[in-house]
């Protein structure tokens, strides 16, 4: 898959005790594609920014082949479809719409992260 066609997926409902390695291992274990062994998963894993402090959220990309269970999400032109993966007693939720708050980087504990929003009709502007 060329870099220009790489799709970023958001993964939600990740248990807080999971590491990046545990997440990628769970996704890799779910694939039965022959090309899965050559696929690299890259991305970020951060605490979920919503009202649920008991989960994490990830943004991931696949370098070679996207797992078959994500085909309904990749084929959806409306970006409304989601896919679920049952892994270690948890239902991981995959989408590509990024509706809501999704952290892309971890600013670290020393950084002050604040957001100010000004709501106008339409669009909503976030500073």
Protein backbone atom coordinates (compact mmCIF):
# COMPACT_ATOMS: atom_id res chain seq x y z
CA UNK A 1 0.00 0.00 0.00
CA UNK A 2 1.50 3.31 -0.98
CA UNK A 3 2.00 6.04 1.59
CA UNK A 4 -0.46 8.27 -0.27
CA UNK A 5 -3.23 5.73 0.25
CA UNK A 6 -2.65 4.98 3.91
CA UNK A 7 -5.80 5.34 5.98
CA UNK A 8 -5.69 6.41 9.62
CA UNK A 9 -8.07 4.58 11.94
CA UNK A 10 -9.16 5.59 15.42
CA UNK A 11 -9.35 2.77 17.95
CA UNK A 12 -11.49 3.37 21.02
CA UNK A 13 -12.30 1.45 24.20
CA UNK A 14 -8.72 0.36 24.85
CA UNK A 15 -8.18 -0.71 28.48
CA UNK A 16 -5.98 1.72 30.43
CA UNK A 17 -3.47 -0.95 31.40
CA UNK A 18 -2.72 -1.93 27.78
CA UNK A 19 0.59 -0.89 26.25
CA UNK A 20 1.19 -0.13 22.58
CA UNK A 21 2.67 -3.63 22.21
CA UNK A 22 -0.45 -5.27 23.67
CA UNK A 23 -2.69 -3.31 21.32
CA UNK A 24 -0.70 -4.15 18.20
CA UNK A 25 -0.42 -7.79 19.27
CA UNK A 26 -4.22 -8.01 19.68
CA UNK A 27 -4.79 -6.51 16.23
CA UNK A 28 -2.17 -8.72 14.58
CA UNK A 29 -3.63 -11.84 16.21
CA UNK A 30 -7.01 -11.07 14.63
CA UNK A 31 -5.73 -11.11 11.08
CA UNK A 32 -5.73 -14.28 9.06
CA UNK A 33 -4.38 -12.65 5.92
CA UNK A 34 -1.12 -13.95 4.50
CA UNK A 35 0.15 -10.38 4.14
CA UNK A 36 -0.46 -9.64 7.83
CA UNK A 37 2.96 -10.98 8.72
CA UNK A 38 4.52 -8.22 6.59
CA UNK A 39 2.29 -5.45 7.97
CA UNK A 40 3.59 -2.86 10.42
CA UNK A 41 1.20 -0.92 12.64
CA UNK A 42 2.23 2.63 13.51
CA UNK A 43 0.44 5.25 15.56
CA UNK A 44 -0.20 6.72 18.99
CA UNK A 45 -1.84 5.47 22.20
CA UNK A 46 -3.14 8.07 24.67
CA UNK A 47 -5.75 8.44 27.42
CA UNK A 48 -9.24 9.06 26.03
CA UNK A 49 -10.13 12.77 26.28
CA UNK A 50 -13.82 12.23 26.89
CA UNK A 51 -15.66 11.65 30.15
CA UNK A 52 -14.37 8.08 30.37
CA UNK A 53 -10.97 8.16 32.08
CA UNK A 54 -10.92 4.38 32.19
CA UNK A 55 -10.02 3.93 28.50
CA UNK A 56 -7.38 4.88 25.97
CA UNK A 57 -7.65 5.88 22.32
CA UNK A 58 -5.23 5.13 19.49
CA UNK A 59 -4.68 6.45 16.00
CA UNK A 60 -3.15 3.75 13.81
CA UNK A 61 -2.06 3.08 10.25
CA UNK A 62 -1.12 -0.16 8.52
CA UNK A 63 1.99 -0.14 6.30
CA UNK A 64 1.18 -3.00 3.94
CA UNK A 65 -2.23 -4.63 4.28
CA UNK A 66 -5.30 -3.55 6.21
CA UNK A 67 -6.90 -6.44 8.14
CA UNK A 68 -10.01 -7.91 6.53
CA UNK A 69 -12.22 -7.09 9.52
CA UNK A 70 -11.74 -3.38 8.67
CA UNK A 71 -13.00 -3.73 5.07
CA UNK A 72 -16.50 -2.38 5.89
CA UNK A 73 -14.87 0.73 7.37
CA UNK A 74 -12.43 1.28 4.50
CA UNK A 75 -15.12 0.76 1.84
CA UNK A 76 -17.63 3.13 3.47
CA UNK A 77 -17.74 6.43 1.58
CA UNK A 78 -19.83 8.10 4.33
CA UNK A 79 -17.28 7.35 7.09
CA UNK A 80 -20.12 6.29 9.37
CA UNK A 81 -19.31 2.57 9.60
CA UNK A 82 -17.45 1.12 12.54
CA UNK A 83 -15.84 -2.25 13.09
CA UNK A 84 -15.36 -4.11 16.35
CA UNK A 85 -12.63 -6.48 17.37
CA UNK A 86 -13.03 -8.69 20.45
CA UNK A 87 -9.63 -8.99 22.10
CA UNK A 88 -8.83 -10.18 25.63
CA UNK A 89 -12.38 -9.54 26.86
CA UNK A 90 -12.58 -6.05 25.33
CA UNK A 91 -14.50 -4.82 22.30
CA UNK A 92 -12.14 -2.47 20.45
CA UNK A 93 -14.01 0.01 18.23
CA UNK A 94 -12.45 1.09 14.91
CA UNK A 95 -13.56 4.02 12.75
CA UNK A 96 -12.09 6.52 10.32
CA UNK A 97 -14.35 9.51 11.00
CA UNK A 98 -12.64 10.97 14.10
CA UNK A 99 -15.89 12.63 15.23
CA UNK A 100 -15.46 14.04 18.71
CA UNK A 101 -12.17 14.64 20.49
CA UNK A 102 -9.22 12.51 19.44
CA UNK A 103 -5.71 13.27 20.72
CA UNK A 104 -3.01 12.87 18.09
CA UNK A 105 0.08 13.50 20.20
CA UNK A 106 0.98 13.40 23.87
CA UNK A 107 2.15 16.85 24.97
CA UNK A 108 3.73 15.39 28.09
CA UNK A 109 3.14 16.19 31.75
CA UNK A 110 5.03 19.50 31.66
CA UNK A 111 2.91 21.08 28.93
CA UNK A 112 -0.19 23.14 29.65
CA UNK A 113 -2.92 21.97 27.32
CA UNK A 114 -5.88 24.29 27.18
CA UNK A 115 -8.51 24.91 24.59
CA UNK A 116 -10.72 27.85 24.01
CA UNK A 117 -13.66 27.55 21.68
CA UNK A 118 -15.80 30.21 20.13
CA UNK A 119 -19.09 28.88 18.84
CA UNK A 120 -20.50 30.71 15.90
CA UNK A 121 -23.18 29.55 13.55
CA UNK A 122 -21.53 27.70 11.37
CA UNK A 123 -18.71 26.85 11.53
CA UNK A 124 -17.40 26.15 15.01
CA UNK A 125 -13.96 27.63 15.50
CA UNK A 126 -11.51 26.13 17.93
CA UNK A 127 -8.44 28.12 18.99
